[in-house]
Amino acid sequence: MRMRRMLGLALAAATLVGASAVGAVSAQAAASPTITGEECTAAGGQVTSFPYRGSSCTLPDGTTQPIT
């Protein structure tokens, strides 16, 4: 009986960790949309390229977004 309870608690904890990881990924995707280089320059931003990391757009309000 005690073993079943411990297994249930472990399963519940793993489920919560998985759910919070999915929530964090969804929140990151919603908070950081990607734009194209043309959209960046049209919005008054500056495109910056980084070796091994790709490009990003720095908008006039100071936010930085990855470029697709």
PDB file of N, CA and C in Angstrom:
ATOM      1  N   MET A   1       0.825  -1.188   0.000  1.00  0.00           N
ATOM      2  CA  MET A   1       0.000   0.000   0.000  1.00  0.00           C
ATOM      3  C   MET A   1       0.874   1.260   0.000  1.00  0.00           C
ATOM      4  N   ARG A   2       1.905   1.259   0.821  1.00  0.00           N
ATOM      5  CA  ARG A   2       2.773   2.420   0.895  1.00  0.00           C
ATOM      6  C   ARG A   2       3.524   2.618  -0.427  1.00  0.00           C
ATOM      7  N   MET A   3       3.925   1.516  -1.063  1.00  0.00           N
ATOM      8  CA  MET A   3       4.634   1.598  -2.339  1.00  0.00           C
ATOM      9  C   MET A   3       3.732   2.199  -3.422  1.00  0.00           C
ATOM     10  N   ARG A   4       2.481   1.853  -3.427  1.00  0.00           N
ATOM     11  CA  ARG A   4       1.536   2.376  -4.407  1.00  0.00           C
ATOM     12  C   ARG A   4       1.352   3.883  -4.210  1.00  0.00           C
ATOM     13  N   ARG A   5       1.312   4.325  -2.973  1.00  0.00           N
ATOM     14  CA  ARG A   5       1.156   5.751  -2.681  1.00  0.00           C
ATOM     15  C   ARG A   5       2.390   6.528  -3.154  1.00  0.00           C
ATOM     16  N   MET A   6       3.580   5.983  -2.905  1.00  0.00           N
ATOM     17  CA  MET A   6       4.810   6.648  -3.340  1.00  0.00           C
ATOM     18  C   MET A   6       4.876   6.713  -4.874  1.00  0.00           C
ATOM     19  N   LEU A   7       4.464   5.637  -5.521  1.00  0.00           N
ATOM     20  CA  LEU A   7       4.457   5.619  -6.977  1.00  0.00           C
ATOM     21  C   LEU A   7       3.456   6.644  -7.516  1.00  0.00           C
ATOM     22  N   GLY A   8       2.320   6.769  -6.871  1.00  0.00           N
ATOM     23  CA  GLY A   8       1.325   7.767  -7.275  1.00  0.00           C
ATOM     24  C   GLY A   8       1.839   9.180  -7.114  1.00  0.00           C
ATOM     25  N   LEU A   9       2.550   9.453  -6.012  1.00  0.00           N
ATOM     26  CA  LEU A   9       3.115  10.790  -5.796  1.00  0.00           C
ATOM     27  C   LEU A   9       4.203  11.098  -6.818  1.00  0.00           C
ATOM     28  N   ALA A  10       5.023  10.110  -7.134  1.00  0.00           N
ATOM     29  CA  ALA A  10       6.070  10.316  -8.129  1.00  0.00           C
ATOM     30  C   ALA A  10       5.458  10.595  -9.501  1.00  0.00           C
ATOM     31  N   LEU A  11       4.420   9.868  -9.847  1.00  0.00           N
ATOM     32  CA  LEU A  11       3.747  10.078 -11.131  1.00  0.00           C
ATOM     33  C   LEU A  11       3.088  11.460 -11.184  1.00  0.00           C
ATOM     34  N   ALA A  12       2.486  11.886 -10.093  1.00  0.00           N
ATOM     35  CA  ALA A  12       1.860  13.208 -10.043  1.00  0.00           C
ATOM     36  C   ALA A  12       2.909  14.308 -10.182  1.00  0.00           C
ATOM     37  N   ALA A  13       4.049  14.137  -9.516  1.00  0.00           N
ATOM     38  CA  ALA A  13       5.113  15.138  -9.608  1.00  0.00           C
ATOM     39  C   ALA A  13       5.661  15.210 -11.026  1.00  0.00           C
ATOM     40  N   ALA A  14       5.844  14.070 -11.672  1.00  0.00           N
ATOM     41  CA  ALA A  14       6.345  14.053 -13.049  1.00  0.00           C
ATOM     42  C   ALA A  14       5.355  14.712 -13.994  1.00  0.00           C
ATOM     43  N   THR A  15       4.078  14.509 -13.755  1.00  0.00           N
ATOM     44  CA  THR A  15       3.052  15.129 -14.592  1.00  0.00           C
ATOM     45  C   THR A  15       3.073  16.647 -14.441  1.00  0.00           C
ATOM     46  N   LEU A  16       3.227  17.135 -13.209  1.00  0.00           N
ATOM     47  CA  LEU A  16       3.286  18.580 -12.985  1.00  0.00           C
ATOM     48  C   LEU A  16       4.523  19.193 -13.623  1.00  0.00           C
ATOM     49  N   VAL A  17       5.650  18.508 -13.537  1.00  0.00           N
ATOM     50  CA  VAL A  17       6.871  19.024 -14.145  1.00  0.00           C
ATOM     51  C   VAL A  17       6.711  19.083 -15.662  1.00  0.00           C
ATOM     52  N   GLY A  18       6.123  18.058 -16.247  1.00  0.00           N
ATOM     53  CA  GLY A  18       5.893  18.064 -17.690  1.00  0.00           C
ATOM     54  C   GLY A  18       4.946  19.161 -18.116  1.00  0.00           C
ATOM     55  N   ALA A  19       3.894  19.373 -17.341  1.00  0.00           N
ATOM     56  CA  ALA A  19       2.923  20.409 -17.672  1.00  0.00           C
ATOM     57  C   ALA A  19       3.546  21.793 -17.562  1.00  0.00           C
ATOM     58  N   SER A  20       4.389  22.025 -16.556  1.00  0.00           N
ATOM     59  CA  SER A  20       5.006  23.333 -16.430  1.00  0.00           C
ATOM     60  C   SER A  20       6.049  23.563 -17.514  1.00  0.00           C
ATOM     61  N   ALA A  21       6.721  22.506 -17.968  1.00  0.00           N
ATOM     62  CA  ALA A  21       7.679  22.654 -19.069  1.00  0.00           C
ATOM     63  C   ALA A  21       6.953  23.025 -20.358  1.00  0.00           C
ATOM     64  N   VAL A  22       5.813  22.398 -20.613  1.00  0.00           N
ATOM     65  CA  VAL A  22       5.033  22.724 -21.806  1.00  0.00           C
ATOM     66  C   VAL A  22       4.509  24.152 -21.700  1.00  0.00           C
ATOM     67  N   GLY A  23       4.082  24.559 -20.529  1.00  0.00           N
ATOM     68  CA  GLY A  23       3.604  25.922 -20.332  1.00  0.00           C
ATOM     69  C   GLY A  23       4.702  26.954 -20.542  1.00  0.00           C
ATOM     70  N   ALA A  24       5.905  26.634 -20.098  1.00  0.00           N
ATOM     71  CA  ALA A  24       7.017  27.564 -20.278  1.00  0.00           C
ATOM     72  C   ALA A  24       7.376  27.719 -21.745  1.00  0.00           C
ATOM     73  N   VAL A  25       7.360  26.632 -22.488  1.00  0.00           N
ATOM     74  CA  VAL A  25       7.653  26.700 -23.921  1.00  0.00           C
ATOM     75  C   VAL A  25       6.574  27.494 -24.631  1.00  0.00           C
ATOM     76  N   SER A  26       5.317  27.281 -24.285  1.00  0.00           N
ATOM     77  CA  SER A  26       4.225  28.020 -24.909  1.00  0.00           C
ATOM     78  C   SER A  26       4.321  29.504 -24.588  1.00  0.00           C
ATOM     79  N   ALA A  27       4.668  29.827 -23.351  1.00  0.00           N
ATOM     80  CA  ALA A  27       4.791  31.226 -22.954  1.00  0.00           C
ATOM     81  C   ALA A  27       5.944  31.894 -23.695  1.00  0.00           C
ATOM     82  N   GLN A  28       7.052  31.189 -23.865  1.00  0.00           N
ATOM     83  CA  GLN A  28       8.184  31.743 -24.602  1.00  0.00           C
ATOM     84  C   GLN A  28       7.807  31.984 -26.053  1.00  0.00           C
ATOM     85  N   ALA A  29       7.093  31.046 -26.653  1.00  0.00           N
ATOM     86  CA  ALA A  29       6.687  31.207 -28.043  1.00  0.00           C
ATOM     87  C   ALA A  29       5.740  32.394 -28.194  1.00  0.00           C
ATOM     88  N   ALA A  30       4.868  32.601 -27.239  1.00  0.00           N
ATOM     89  CA  ALA A  30       3.928  33.712 -27.310  1.00  0.00           C
ATOM     90  C   ALA A  30       4.615  35.046 -27.030  1.00  0.00           C
ATOM     91  N   ALA A  31       5.621  35.039 -26.183  1.00  0.00           N
ATOM     92  CA  ALA A  31       6.290  36.274 -25.808  1.00  0.00           C
ATOM     93  C   ALA A  31       7.336  36.700 -26.826  1.00  0.00           C
ATOM     94  N   SER A  32       7.822  35.783 -27.623  1.00  0.00           N
ATOM     95  CA  SER A  32       8.900  36.090 -28.545  1.00  0.00           C
ATOM     96  C   SER A  32       8.561  35.640 -29.957  1.00  0.00           C
ATOM     97  N   PRO A  33       7.689  36.350 -30.649  1.00  0.00           N
ATOM     98  CA  PRO A  33       7.382  35.961 -32.025  1.00  0.00           C
ATOM     99  C   PRO A  33       8.556  36.281 -32.943  1.00  0.00           C
ATOM    100  N   THR A  34       8.701  35.532 -33.991  1.00  0.00           N
ATOM    101  CA  THR A  34       9.775  35.803 -34.944  1.00  0.00           C
ATOM    102  C   THR A  34       9.231  36.599 -36.122  1.00  0.00           C
ATOM    103  N   ILE A  35      10.086  37.434 -36.681  1.00  0.00           N
ATOM    104  CA  ILE A  35       9.697  38.255 -37.828  1.00  0.00           C
ATOM    105  C   ILE A  35      10.757  38.082 -38.912  1.00  0.00           C
ATOM    106  N   THR A  36      10.465  38.578 -40.092  1.00  0.00           N
ATOM    107  CA  THR A  36      11.433  38.525 -41.186  1.00  0.00           C
ATOM    108  C   THR A  36      12.288  39.791 -41.157  1.00  0.00           C
ATOM    109  N   GLY A  37      13.374  39.767 -41.910  1.00  0.00           N
ATOM    110  CA  GLY A  37      14.248  40.939 -41.987  1.00  0.00           C
ATOM    111  C   GLY A  37      13.552  42.136 -42.597  1.00  0.00           C
ATOM    112  N   GLU A  38      12.695  41.872 -43.588  1.00  0.00           N
ATOM    113  CA  GLU A  38      11.968  42.964 -44.233  1.00  0.00           C
ATOM    114  C   GLU A  38      10.989  43.625 -43.255  1.00  0.00           C
ATOM    115  N   GLU A  39      10.312  42.794 -42.456  1.00  0.00           N
ATOM    116  CA  GLU A  39       9.385  43.343 -41.457  1.00  0.00           C
ATOM    117  C   GLU A  39      10.134  44.157 -40.410  1.00  0.00           C
ATOM    118  N   CYS A  40      11.329  43.721 -40.078  1.00  0.00           N
ATOM    119  CA  CYS A  40      12.134  44.428 -39.086  1.00  0.00           C
ATOM    120  C   CYS A  40      12.504  45.819 -39.577  1.00  0.00           C
ATOM    121  N   THR A  41      13.042  45.894 -40.790  1.00  0.00           N
ATOM    122  CA  THR A  41      13.440  47.200 -41.314  1.00  0.00           C
ATOM    123  C   THR A  41      12.229  48.093 -41.576  1.00  0.00           C
ATOM    124  N   ALA A  42      11.103  47.502 -41.971  1.00  0.00           N
ATOM    125  CA  ALA A  42       9.888  48.289 -42.181  1.00  0.00           C
ATOM    126  C   ALA A  42       9.378  48.891 -40.881  1.00  0.00           C
ATOM    127  N   ALA A  43       9.634  48.207 -39.764  1.00  0.00           N
ATOM    128  CA  ALA A  43       9.201  48.708 -38.461  1.00  0.00           C
ATOM    129  C   ALA A  43      10.219  49.665 -37.852  1.00  0.00           C
ATOM    130  N   GLY A  44      11.300  49.954 -38.591  1.00  0.00           N
ATOM    131  CA  GLY A  44      12.317  50.883 -38.088  1.00  0.00           C
ATOM    132  C   GLY A  44      13.381  50.208 -37.256  1.00  0.00           C
ATOM    133  N   GLY A  45      13.471  48.893 -37.322  1.00  0.00           N
ATOM    134  CA  GLY A  45      14.448  48.149 -36.539  1.00  0.00           C
ATOM    135  C   GLY A  45      15.756  47.957 -37.271  1.00  0.00           C
ATOM    136  N   GLN A  46      16.716  47.368 -36.571  1.00  0.00           N
ATOM    137  CA  GLN A  46      18.030  47.110 -37.133  1.00  0.00           C
ATOM    138  C   GLN A  46      18.315  45.619 -37.067  1.00  0.00           C
ATOM    139  N   VAL A  47      18.702  45.034 -38.202  1.00  0.00           N
ATOM    140  CA  VAL A  47      19.016  43.609 -38.278  1.00  0.00           C
ATOM    141  C   VAL A  47      20.487  43.417 -37.915  1.00  0.00           C
ATOM    142  N   THR A  48      20.746  42.507 -36.982  1.00  0.00           N
ATOM    143  CA  THR A  48      22.104  42.187 -36.560  1.00  0.00           C
ATOM    144  C   THR A  48      22.334  40.701 -36.754  1.00  0.00           C
ATOM    145  N   SER A  49      23.452  40.357 -37.418  1.00  0.00           N
ATOM    146  CA  SER A  49      23.797  38.950 -37.638  1.00  0.00           C
ATOM    147  C   SER A  49      24.889  38.531 -36.671  1.00  0.00           C
ATOM    148  N   PHE A  50      24.751  37.318 -36.138  1.00  0.00           N
ATOM    149  CA  PHE A  50      25.729  36.764 -35.215  1.00  0.00           C
ATOM    150  C   PHE A  50      26.248  35.446 -35.774  1.00  0.00           C
ATOM    151  N   PRO A  51      27.557  35.220 -35.737  1.00  0.00           N
ATOM    152  CA  PRO A  51      28.069  33.942 -36.211  1.00  0.00           C
ATOM    153  C   PRO A  51      27.582  32.794 -35.323  1.00  0.00           C
ATOM    154  N   TYR A  52      27.180  31.711 -35.946  1.00  0.00           N
ATOM    155  CA  TYR A  52      26.711  30.491 -35.280  1.00  0.00           C
ATOM    156  C   TYR A  52      25.402  30.666 -34.524  1.00  0.00           C
ATOM    157  N   ARG A  53      24.798  31.831 -34.571  1.00  0.00           N
ATOM    158  CA  ARG A  53      23.575  32.063 -33.813  1.00  0.00           C
ATOM    159  C   ARG A  53      22.439  32.595 -34.666  1.00  0.00           C
ATOM    160  N   GLY A  54      22.717  33.048 -35.866  1.00  0.00           N
ATOM    161  CA  GLY A  54      21.670  33.576 -36.711  1.00  0.00           C
ATOM    162  C   GLY A  54      21.561  35.086 -36.609  1.00  0.00           C
ATOM    163  N   SER A  55      20.394  35.597 -36.947  1.00  0.00           N
ATOM    164  CA  SER A  55      20.168  37.044 -36.959  1.00  0.00           C
ATOM    165  C   SER A  55      19.074  37.415 -35.974  1.00  0.00           C
ATOM    166  N   SER A  56      19.121  38.667 -35.536  1.00  0.00           N
ATOM    167  CA  SER A  56      18.068  39.174 -34.664  1.00  0.00           C
ATOM    168  C   SER A  56      17.732  40.595 -35.079  1.00  0.00           C
ATOM    169  N   CYS A  57      16.572  41.031 -34.643  1.00  0.00           N
ATOM    170  CA  CYS A  57      16.080  42.369 -34.963  1.00  0.00           C
ATOM    171  C   CYS A  57      15.963  43.164 -33.674  1.00  0.00           C
ATOM    172  N   THR A  58      16.578  44.332 -33.645  1.00  0.00           N
ATOM    173  CA  THR A  58      16.441  45.234 -32.506  1.00  0.00           C
ATOM    174  C   THR A  58      15.503  46.355 -32.933  1.00  0.00           C
ATOM    175  N   LEU A  59      14.347  46.401 -32.293  1.00  0.00           N
ATOM    176  CA  LEU A  59      13.333  47.400 -32.636  1.00  0.00           C
ATOM    177  C   LEU A  59      13.607  48.713 -31.911  1.00  0.00           C
ATOM    178  N   PRO A  60      13.016  49.815 -32.369  1.00  0.00           N
ATOM    179  CA  PRO A  60      13.260  51.114 -31.732  1.00  0.00           C
ATOM    180  C   PRO A  60      12.889  51.171 -30.249  1.00  0.00           C
ATOM    181  N   ASP A  61      11.956  50.325 -29.804  1.00  0.00           N
ATOM    182  CA  ASP A  61      11.581  50.346 -28.380  1.00  0.00           C
ATOM    183  C   ASP A  61      12.543  49.540 -27.511  1.00  0.00           C
ATOM    184  N   GLY A  62      13.602  48.968 -28.128  1.00  0.00           N
ATOM    185  CA  GLY A  62      14.615  48.247 -27.369  1.00  0.00           C
ATOM    186  C   GLY A  62      14.441  46.746 -27.297  1.00  0.00           C
ATOM    187  N   THR A  63      13.338  46.208 -27.790  1.00  0.00           N
ATOM    188  CA  THR A  63      13.123  44.774 -27.757  1.00  0.00           C
ATOM    189  C   THR A  63      13.911  44.110 -28.882  1.00  0.00           C
ATOM    190  N   THR A  64      14.286  42.870 -28.651  1.00  0.00           N
ATOM    191  CA  THR A  64      15.027  42.084 -29.634  1.00  0.00           C
ATOM    192  C   THR A  64      14.241  40.826 -29.950  1.00  0.00           C
ATOM    193  N   GLN A  65      14.122  40.516 -31.246  1.00  0.00           N
ATOM    194  CA  GLN A  65      13.390  39.334 -31.684  1.00  0.00           C
ATOM    195  C   GLN A  65      14.236  38.566 -32.674  1.00  0.00           C
ATOM    196  N   PRO A  66      14.141  37.230 -32.633  1.00  0.00           N
ATOM    197  CA  PRO A  66      14.883  36.444 -33.635  1.00  0.00           C
ATOM    198  C   PRO A  66      14.260  36.597 -35.016  1.00  0.00           C
ATOM    199  N   ILE A  67      15.083  36.525 -36.032  1.00  0.00           N
ATOM    200  CA  ILE A  67      14.609  36.650 -37.405  1.00  0.00           C
ATOM    201  C   ILE A  67      14.529  35.262 -38.020  1.00  0.00           C
ATOM    202  N   THR A  68      13.413  34.997 -38.717  1.00  0.00           N
ATOM    203  CA  THR A  68      13.238  33.705 -39.364  1.00  0.00           C
ATOM    204  C   THR A  68      13.836  33.713 -40.744  1.00  0.00           C
TER     205      THR A  68
END
